[in-house]
Amino acid sequence: MQMENMFYFTYKTTVKSDLDSVWGFYKTSECFKSLTPSFLQTNVLQDLNDNDQMSEGKVQKIEMSFYGLKLGWITMITEVKEQSYFKEICLKGPFRKWVHVHVFKDIAEGVLVIDEISYLPPFGRCNGIMNMLFIKPVLKLMFQYRHRMLKNLISF
């Protein structure tokens, strides 16, 4: 059996703010909604832990509508290092594997926010072409929007 290759996507931006403010914003449930572009109509259907704060073991059921195509996700935060990073995985969703690490670094200019994603699409032999033509461009648009909104919402 041949092992399929994972794909990787990284997006970085500097936010002119302090680490406490950026980390505090990411800890709220409003963060996800505020940073999601309108072309990905998103609803958090259920917080399966009844916990509004970011914490290890937090599980959320999310529904996205991408131009009419409904996509269900169940995500779980697996690691949290206060004011440094948190890692979430997709337990169930449109990708065969999805790991998203949110990294925060205090730098002279503010806070460097890094999104690192490793993923395995569901298209088998067509993964490479689908990634190049569709997945990576959508991720780029989504994270450009997220990081622009983050700057608008919490920059000094």
N, C-alpha and C. Protein backbone atom coordinates (compact mmCIF):
# COMPACT_ATOMS: atom_id res chain seq x y z
N MET A 1 0.84 -1.18 0.00
CA MET A 1 0.00 0.00 0.00
C MET A 1 0.88 1.25 0.00
N GLN A 2 0.64 2.13 -0.93
CA GLN A 2 1.44 3.34 -1.05
C GLN A 2 0.92 4.42 -0.10
N MET A 3 1.86 5.06 0.60
CA MET A 3 1.51 6.14 1.52
C MET A 3 1.28 7.42 0.72
N GLU A 4 0.17 8.10 0.98
CA GLU A 4 -0.11 9.34 0.27
C GLU A 4 0.63 10.50 0.93
N ASN A 5 1.05 11.44 0.11
CA ASN A 5 1.79 12.60 0.61
C ASN A 5 0.86 13.64 1.20
N MET A 6 1.29 14.19 2.32
CA MET A 6 0.58 15.29 2.95
C MET A 6 0.93 16.57 2.18
N PHE A 7 0.07 17.55 2.29
CA PHE A 7 0.29 18.87 1.73
C PHE A 7 0.45 19.84 2.89
N TYR A 8 1.16 20.94 2.62
CA TYR A 8 1.45 21.90 3.68
C TYR A 8 1.15 23.31 3.20
N PHE A 9 0.62 24.10 4.11
CA PHE A 9 0.31 25.49 3.83
C PHE A 9 0.70 26.31 5.05
N THR A 10 1.42 27.41 4.83
CA THR A 10 1.81 28.30 5.93
C THR A 10 1.48 29.73 5.53
N TYR A 11 0.93 30.48 6.48
CA TYR A 11 0.64 31.90 6.25
C TYR A 11 1.09 32.66 7.49
N LYS A 12 1.84 33.76 7.27
CA LYS A 12 2.39 34.55 8.37
C LYS A 12 1.99 36.01 8.21
N THR A 13 1.80 36.66 9.33
CA THR A 13 1.57 38.11 9.33
C THR A 13 2.01 38.69 10.66
N THR A 14 2.33 39.95 10.65
CA THR A 14 2.69 40.66 11.88
C THR A 14 1.53 41.57 12.25
N VAL A 15 1.08 41.44 13.48
CA VAL A 15 0.00 42.26 14.01
C VAL A 15 0.61 43.27 14.98
N LYS A 16 0.32 44.54 14.77
CA LYS A 16 0.84 45.59 15.66
C LYS A 16 -0.03 45.63 16.91
N SER A 17 0.27 44.72 17.80
CA SER A 17 -0.47 44.59 19.04
C SER A 17 0.43 43.86 20.03
N ASP A 18 -0.08 43.63 21.22
CA ASP A 18 0.72 42.89 22.20
C ASP A 18 0.21 41.45 22.27
N LEU A 19 1.06 40.58 22.76
CA LEU A 19 0.75 39.16 22.81
C LEU A 19 -0.48 38.88 23.66
N ASP A 20 -0.66 39.59 24.76
CA ASP A 20 -1.84 39.38 25.60
C ASP A 20 -3.14 39.62 24.82
N SER A 21 -3.16 40.68 24.02
CA SER A 21 -4.37 41.00 23.25
C SER A 21 -4.63 39.97 22.16
N VAL A 22 -3.59 39.59 21.43
CA VAL A 22 -3.76 38.62 20.34
C VAL A 22 -4.18 37.27 20.91
N TRP A 23 -3.47 36.79 21.92
CA TRP A 23 -3.80 35.51 22.53
C TRP A 23 -5.21 35.55 23.12
N GLY A 24 -5.53 36.64 23.80
CA GLY A 24 -6.86 36.78 24.40
C GLY A 24 -7.97 36.72 23.36
N PHE A 25 -7.74 37.33 22.20
CA PHE A 25 -8.72 37.29 21.12
C PHE A 25 -8.91 35.86 20.62
N TYR A 26 -7.83 35.12 20.42
CA TYR A 26 -7.91 33.75 19.92
C TYR A 26 -8.58 32.81 20.91
N LYS A 27 -8.55 33.15 22.19
CA LYS A 27 -9.15 32.29 23.21
C LYS A 27 -10.68 32.36 23.21
N THR A 28 -11.26 33.36 22.55
CA THR A 28 -12.72 33.51 22.58
C THR A 28 -13.37 32.75 21.43
N SER A 29 -14.62 32.40 21.62
CA SER A 29 -15.36 31.70 20.56
C SER A 29 -15.69 32.64 19.40
N GLU A 30 -15.71 33.95 19.63
CA GLU A 30 -16.00 34.92 18.58
C GLU A 30 -14.87 35.02 17.55
N CYS A 31 -13.69 34.62 17.92
CA CYS A 31 -12.54 34.70 17.02
C CYS A 31 -12.81 34.00 15.70
N PHE A 32 -13.26 32.76 15.77
CA PHE A 32 -13.48 31.95 14.57
C PHE A 32 -14.46 32.62 13.62
N LYS A 33 -15.59 33.09 14.15
CA LYS A 33 -16.59 33.75 13.32
C LYS A 33 -16.06 35.05 12.73
N SER A 34 -15.35 35.82 13.52
CA SER A 34 -14.83 37.12 13.07
C SER A 34 -13.81 36.98 11.96
N LEU A 35 -13.08 35.88 11.93
CA LEU A 35 -11.99 35.71 10.98
C LEU A 35 -12.34 34.84 9.78
N THR A 36 -13.61 34.45 9.65
CA THR A 36 -14.01 33.58 8.54
C THR A 36 -14.64 34.41 7.44
N PRO A 37 -14.12 34.30 6.21
CA PRO A 37 -14.67 35.09 5.10
C PRO A 37 -16.10 34.68 4.75
N SER A 38 -16.84 35.60 4.17
CA SER A 38 -18.26 35.36 3.88
C SER A 38 -18.47 34.24 2.84
N PHE A 39 -17.49 34.00 1.98
CA PHE A 39 -17.68 32.92 1.00
C PHE A 39 -17.64 31.54 1.67
N LEU A 40 -17.25 31.49 2.93
CA LEU A 40 -17.31 30.27 3.73
C LEU A 40 -18.33 30.48 4.84
N GLN A 41 -19.59 30.54 4.49
CA GLN A 41 -20.63 30.76 5.49
C GLN A 41 -20.49 29.68 6.56
N THR A 42 -20.20 30.13 7.78
CA THR A 42 -19.82 29.20 8.84
C THR A 42 -20.69 29.35 10.07
N ASN A 43 -21.08 28.22 10.63
CA ASN A 43 -21.82 28.20 11.89
C ASN A 43 -21.20 27.17 12.82
N VAL A 44 -20.94 27.59 14.05
CA VAL A 44 -20.55 26.63 15.07
C VAL A 44 -21.86 26.06 15.58
N LEU A 45 -22.14 24.81 15.20
CA LEU A 45 -23.41 24.19 15.55
C LEU A 45 -23.45 23.77 17.00
N GLN A 46 -22.31 23.31 17.48
CA GLN A 46 -22.31 22.78 18.84
C GLN A 46 -20.89 22.80 19.38
N ASP A 47 -20.77 23.32 20.57
CA ASP A 47 -19.52 23.21 21.31
C ASP A 47 -19.71 21.99 22.20
N LEU A 48 -19.11 20.89 21.83
CA LEU A 48 -19.39 19.62 22.49
C LEU A 48 -18.88 19.55 23.92
N ASN A 49 -18.11 20.53 24.35
CA ASN A 49 -17.60 20.55 25.72
C ASN A 49 -18.31 21.61 26.57
N ASP A 50 -19.22 22.37 25.95
CA ASP A 50 -19.87 23.48 26.66
C ASP A 50 -18.84 24.42 27.27
N ASN A 51 -17.81 24.72 26.48
CA ASN A 51 -16.71 25.53 26.98
C ASN A 51 -16.44 26.63 25.97
N ASP A 52 -16.59 27.88 26.40
CA ASP A 52 -16.41 29.01 25.50
C ASP A 52 -14.93 29.33 25.28
N GLN A 53 -14.06 28.85 26.13
CA GLN A 53 -12.64 29.18 26.04
C GLN A 53 -11.86 28.09 25.30
N MET A 54 -10.72 28.50 24.74
CA MET A 54 -9.83 27.56 24.09
C MET A 54 -9.14 26.73 25.16
N SER A 55 -9.20 25.40 25.02
CA SER A 55 -8.53 24.52 25.97
C SER A 55 -8.30 23.16 25.33
N GLU A 56 -7.32 22.43 25.82
CA GLU A 56 -7.05 21.10 25.30
C GLU A 56 -8.29 20.23 25.49
N GLY A 57 -8.61 19.49 24.44
CA GLY A 57 -9.77 18.61 24.48
C GLY A 57 -11.06 19.26 24.01
N LYS A 58 -11.03 20.56 23.74
CA LYS A 58 -12.24 21.25 23.27
C LYS A 58 -12.63 20.71 21.89
N VAL A 59 -13.89 20.33 21.75
CA VAL A 59 -14.40 19.78 20.50
C VAL A 59 -15.56 20.65 20.03
N GLN A 60 -15.54 20.97 18.73
CA GLN A 60 -16.61 21.77 18.15
C GLN A 60 -17.14 21.11 16.88
N LYS A 61 -18.44 21.20 16.70
CA LYS A 61 -19.08 20.76 15.47
C LYS A 61 -19.39 22.01 14.67
N ILE A 62 -18.85 22.07 13.44
CA ILE A 62 -18.93 23.26 12.60
C ILE A 62 -19.54 22.89 11.26
N GLU A 63 -20.35 23.79 10.74
CA GLU A 63 -20.89 23.61 9.39
C GLU A 63 -20.46 24.80 8.54
N MET A 64 -19.89 24.50 7.39
CA MET A 64 -19.51 25.53 6.43
C MET A 64 -20.30 25.32 5.16
N SER A 65 -20.63 26.40 4.53
CA SER A 65 -21.28 26.33 3.23
C SER A 65 -20.36 27.05 2.26
N PHE A 66 -19.78 26.30 1.34
CA PHE A 66 -18.84 26.85 0.37
C PHE A 66 -19.55 26.92 -0.97
N TYR A 67 -20.06 28.12 -1.29
CA TYR A 67 -20.83 28.33 -2.52
C TYR A 67 -21.93 27.29 -2.68
N GLY A 68 -22.67 27.04 -1.59
CA GLY A 68 -23.81 26.13 -1.63
C GLY A 68 -23.49 24.70 -1.21
N LEU A 69 -22.23 24.32 -1.21
CA LEU A 69 -21.83 22.97 -0.82
C LEU A 69 -21.62 22.95 0.70
N LYS A 70 -22.46 22.18 1.41
CA LYS A 70 -22.35 22.12 2.87
C LYS A 70 -21.27 21.13 3.29
N LEU A 71 -20.39 21.61 4.17
CA LEU A 71 -19.29 20.80 4.65
C LEU A 71 -19.34 20.76 6.18
N GLY A 72 -19.43 19.58 6.74
CA GLY A 72 -19.44 19.43 8.19
C GLY A 72 -18.04 19.12 8.70
N TRP A 73 -17.69 19.72 9.82
CA TRP A 73 -16.40 19.50 10.45
C TRP A 73 -16.62 19.20 11.94
N ILE A 74 -15.82 18.35 12.49
CA ILE A 74 -15.71 18.22 13.94
C ILE A 74 -14.23 18.39 14.25
N THR A 75 -13.92 19.43 15.03
CA THR A 75 -12.52 19.73 15.34
C THR A 75 -12.26 19.57 16.82
N MET A 76 -10.99 19.30 17.14
CA MET A 76 -10.60 19.19 18.54
C MET A 76 -9.26 19.87 18.74
N ILE A 77 -9.16 20.66 19.81
CA ILE A 77 -7.88 21.26 20.18
C ILE A 77 -7.12 20.20 20.97
N THR A 78 -5.93 19.86 20.49
CA THR A 78 -5.16 18.77 21.11
C THR A 78 -4.01 19.26 21.97
N GLU A 79 -3.53 20.47 21.70
CA GLU A 79 -2.41 21.02 22.48
C GLU A 79 -2.60 22.52 22.62
N VAL A 80 -2.25 23.03 23.81
CA VAL A 80 -2.25 24.47 24.04
C VAL A 80 -1.02 24.80 24.88
N LYS A 81 -0.18 25.70 24.39
CA LYS A 81 0.90 26.26 25.19
C LYS A 81 0.61 27.75 25.28
N GLU A 82 0.21 28.17 26.46
CA GLU A 82 -0.27 29.53 26.70
C GLU A 82 0.64 30.58 26.06
N GLN A 83 0.04 31.46 25.28
CA GLN A 83 0.68 32.56 24.59
C GLN A 83 1.82 32.13 23.66
N SER A 84 1.75 30.89 23.19
CA SER A 84 2.77 30.40 22.27
C SER A 84 2.14 29.73 21.04
N TYR A 85 1.27 28.75 21.27
CA TYR A 85 0.62 28.07 20.14
C TYR A 85 -0.55 27.23 20.64
N PHE A 86 -1.42 26.87 19.71
CA PHE A 86 -2.38 25.80 19.96
C PHE A 86 -2.56 25.02 18.67
N LYS A 87 -2.89 23.76 18.84
CA LYS A 87 -2.99 22.84 17.72
C LYS A 87 -4.39 22.23 17.71
N GLU A 88 -5.00 22.26 16.53
CA GLU A 88 -6.30 21.62 16.39
C GLU A 88 -6.28 20.63 15.24
N ILE A 89 -7.05 19.60 15.39
CA ILE A 89 -7.15 18.58 14.35
C ILE A 89 -8.61 18.43 13.95
N CYS A 90 -8.80 17.92 12.76
CA CYS A 90 -10.15 17.64 12.29
C CYS A 90 -10.42 16.16 12.55
N LEU A 91 -11.41 15.89 13.38
CA LEU A 91 -11.80 14.50 13.66
C LEU A 91 -12.68 13.95 12.54
N LYS A 92 -13.49 14.84 11.97
CA LYS A 92 -14.37 14.45 10.88
C LYS A 92 -14.58 15.67 10.01
N GLY A 93 -14.43 15.50 8.71
CA GLY A 93 -14.61 16.63 7.81
C GLY A 93 -14.27 16.27 6.38
N PRO A 94 -14.15 17.29 5.54
CA PRO A 94 -13.94 17.04 4.12
C PRO A 94 -12.53 16.55 3.76
N PHE A 95 -11.56 16.69 4.68
CA PHE A 95 -10.20 16.23 4.42
C PHE A 95 -9.96 14.91 5.13
N ARG A 96 -9.11 14.09 4.54
CA ARG A 96 -8.77 12.81 5.18
C ARG A 96 -7.93 13.05 6.43
N LYS A 97 -7.13 14.13 6.39
CA LYS A 97 -6.36 14.53 7.56
C LYS A 97 -6.20 16.04 7.51
N TRP A 98 -6.28 16.69 8.67
CA TRP A 98 -6.16 18.14 8.77
C TRP A 98 -5.59 18.47 10.14
N VAL A 99 -4.43 19.11 10.16
CA VAL A 99 -3.81 19.56 11.41
C VAL A 99 -3.46 21.03 11.23
N HIS A 100 -3.94 21.87 12.16
CA HIS A 100 -3.74 23.31 12.07
C HIS A 100 -3.07 23.78 13.35
N VAL A 101 -1.85 24.30 13.22
CA VAL A 101 -1.13 24.84 14.37
C VAL A 101 -1.12 26.37 14.23
N HIS A 102 -1.62 27.02 15.27
CA HIS A 102 -1.65 28.49 15.34
C HIS A 102 -0.48 28.89 16.24
N VAL A 103 0.48 29.63 15.69
CA VAL A 103 1.69 30.01 16.43
C VAL A 103 1.70 31.52 16.64
N PHE A 104 2.14 31.94 17.84
CA PHE A 104 2.19 33.36 18.19
C PHE A 104 3.57 33.66 18.75
N LYS A 105 4.27 34.65 18.15
CA LYS A 105 5.61 35.01 18.60
C LYS A 105 5.66 36.50 18.88
N ASP A 106 6.11 36.84 20.07
CA ASP A 106 6.28 38.24 20.47
C ASP A 106 7.55 38.75 19.80
N ILE A 107 7.40 39.76 18.94
CA ILE A 107 8.55 40.33 18.24
C ILE A 107 8.54 41.85 18.43
N ALA A 108 9.60 42.51 18.03
CA ALA A 108 9.72 43.96 18.23
C ALA A 108 8.57 44.73 17.57
N GLU A 109 8.13 44.28 16.40
CA GLU A 109 7.08 44.98 15.65
C GLU A 109 5.68 44.68 16.14
N GLY A 110 5.53 43.74 17.07
CA GLY A 110 4.21 43.33 17.56
C GLY A 110 4.17 41.84 17.81
N VAL A 111 3.23 41.17 17.15
CA VAL A 111 3.09 39.72 17.30
C VAL A 111 3.10 39.09 15.92
N LEU A 112 3.98 38.13 15.73
CA LEU A 112 4.01 37.35 14.50
C LEU A 112 3.02 36.21 14.67
N VAL A 113 2.02 36.17 13.80
CA VAL A 113 0.99 35.12 13.81
C VAL A 113 1.27 34.20 12.64
N ILE A 114 1.42 32.92 12.93
CA ILE A 114 1.74 31.94 11.90
C ILE A 114 0.68 30.84 11.93
N ASP A 115 0.09 30.57 10.78
CA ASP A 115 -0.82 29.44 10.63
C ASP A 115 -0.10 28.38 9.82
N GLU A 116 0.07 27.21 10.41
CA GLU A 116 0.72 26.08 9.74
C GLU A 116 -0.29 24.96 9.61
N ILE A 117 -0.56 24.56 8.39
CA ILE A 117 -1.56 23.53 8.15
C ILE A 117 -0.93 22.38 7.37
N SER A 118 -1.16 21.18 7.84
CA SER A 118 -0.81 19.98 7.08
C SER A 118 -2.13 19.24 6.82
N TYR A 119 -2.31 18.78 5.61
CA TYR A 119 -3.60 18.20 5.24
C TYR A 119 -3.45 17.15 4.15
N LEU A 120 -4.44 16.28 4.12
CA LEU A 120 -4.53 15.25 3.09
C LEU A 120 -5.93 15.34 2.49
N PRO A 121 -6.03 15.80 1.23
CA PRO A 121 -7.34 15.92 0.59
C PRO A 121 -7.97 14.54 0.34
N PRO A 122 -9.24 14.52 -0.01
CA PRO A 122 -9.96 13.25 -0.20
C PRO A 122 -9.98 12.75 -1.64
N PHE A 123 -9.13 13.29 -2.51
CA PHE A 123 -9.27 13.03 -3.94
C PHE A 123 -8.35 11.94 -4.49
N GLY A 124 -7.64 11.24 -3.61
CA GLY A 124 -6.78 10.15 -4.07
C GLY A 124 -5.73 10.59 -5.07
N ARG A 125 -5.71 9.96 -6.22
CA ARG A 125 -4.71 10.27 -7.26
C ARG A 125 -4.80 11.70 -7.78
N CYS A 126 -5.93 12.33 -7.57
CA CYS A 126 -6.13 13.71 -8.05
C CYS A 126 -5.76 14.75 -6.98
N ASN A 127 -5.22 14.31 -5.84
CA ASN A 127 -4.88 15.25 -4.76
C ASN A 127 -3.97 16.38 -5.23
N GLY A 128 -2.94 16.04 -5.99
CA GLY A 128 -1.98 17.05 -6.43
C GLY A 128 -2.60 18.13 -7.29
N ILE A 129 -3.36 17.73 -8.27
CA ILE A 129 -3.97 18.70 -9.18
C ILE A 129 -5.06 19.50 -8.47
N MET A 130 -5.85 18.84 -7.60
CA MET A 130 -6.90 19.54 -6.85
C MET A 130 -6.29 20.53 -5.87
N ASN A 131 -5.15 20.16 -5.29
CA ASN A 131 -4.47 21.07 -4.37
C ASN A 131 -3.98 22.30 -5.12
N MET A 132 -3.37 22.08 -6.27
CA MET A 132 -2.79 23.18 -7.04
C MET A 132 -3.88 24.11 -7.60
N LEU A 133 -4.95 23.54 -8.14
CA LEU A 133 -5.97 24.34 -8.81
C LEU A 133 -7.03 24.91 -7.87
N PHE A 134 -7.27 24.25 -6.75
CA PHE A 134 -8.42 24.62 -5.94
C PHE A 134 -8.09 24.84 -4.46
N ILE A 135 -7.55 23.84 -3.80
CA ILE A 135 -7.39 23.90 -2.34
C ILE A 135 -6.43 25.00 -1.91
N LYS A 136 -5.23 25.01 -2.46
CA LYS A 136 -4.24 26.00 -2.03
C LYS A 136 -4.69 27.44 -2.34
N PRO A 137 -5.28 27.72 -3.53
CA PRO A 137 -5.78 29.08 -3.76
C PRO A 137 -6.88 29.50 -2.78
N VAL A 138 -7.76 28.57 -2.41
CA VAL A 138 -8.82 28.90 -1.45
C VAL A 138 -8.22 29.14 -0.07
N LEU A 139 -7.25 28.31 0.33
CA LEU A 139 -6.57 28.53 1.62
C LEU A 139 -5.89 29.90 1.64
N LYS A 140 -5.24 30.25 0.54
CA LYS A 140 -4.56 31.55 0.48
C LYS A 140 -5.56 32.69 0.64
N LEU A 141 -6.67 32.63 -0.08
CA LEU A 141 -7.70 33.67 0.05
C LEU A 141 -8.24 33.73 1.48
N MET A 142 -8.50 32.56 2.05
CA MET A 142 -9.06 32.50 3.39
C MET A 142 -8.12 33.10 4.42
N PHE A 143 -6.83 32.77 4.34
CA PHE A 143 -5.89 33.28 5.33
C PHE A 143 -5.49 34.72 5.08
N GLN A 144 -5.51 35.16 3.84
CA GLN A 144 -5.32 36.60 3.59
C GLN A 144 -6.43 37.37 4.28
N TYR A 145 -7.65 36.91 4.15
CA TYR A 145 -8.79 37.55 4.79
C TYR A 145 -8.64 37.50 6.31
N ARG A 146 -8.35 36.32 6.85
CA ARG A 146 -8.22 36.15 8.30
C ARG A 146 -7.19 37.11 8.89
N HIS A 147 -6.05 37.16 8.27
CA HIS A 147 -4.97 37.98 8.82
C HIS A 147 -5.26 39.47 8.65
N ARG A 148 -5.91 39.85 7.56
CA ARG A 148 -6.31 41.24 7.37
C ARG A 148 -7.34 41.64 8.44
N MET A 149 -8.32 40.78 8.68
CA MET A 149 -9.34 41.05 9.71
C MET A 149 -8.71 41.10 11.09
N LEU A 150 -7.78 40.20 11.35
CA LEU A 150 -7.10 40.19 12.65
C LEU A 150 -6.41 41.53 12.90
N LYS A 151 -5.71 42.02 11.88
CA LYS A 151 -5.05 43.33 11.99
C LYS A 151 -6.06 44.43 12.24
N ASN A 152 -7.18 44.39 11.51
CA ASN A 152 -8.20 45.44 11.67
C ASN A 152 -8.84 45.40 13.06
N LEU A 153 -9.01 44.22 13.60
CA LEU A 153 -9.74 44.07 14.86
C LEU A 153 -8.88 44.39 16.10
N ILE A 154 -7.57 44.07 16.04
CA ILE A 154 -6.81 44.22 17.29
C ILE A 154 -5.48 44.96 17.17
N SER A 155 -5.18 45.54 16.04
CA SER A 155 -3.94 46.33 15.95
C SER A 155 -4.09 47.63 16.70
N PHE A 156 -2.97 48.13 17.20
CA PHE A 156 -2.97 49.43 17.91
C PHE A 156 -3.20 50.53 16.90
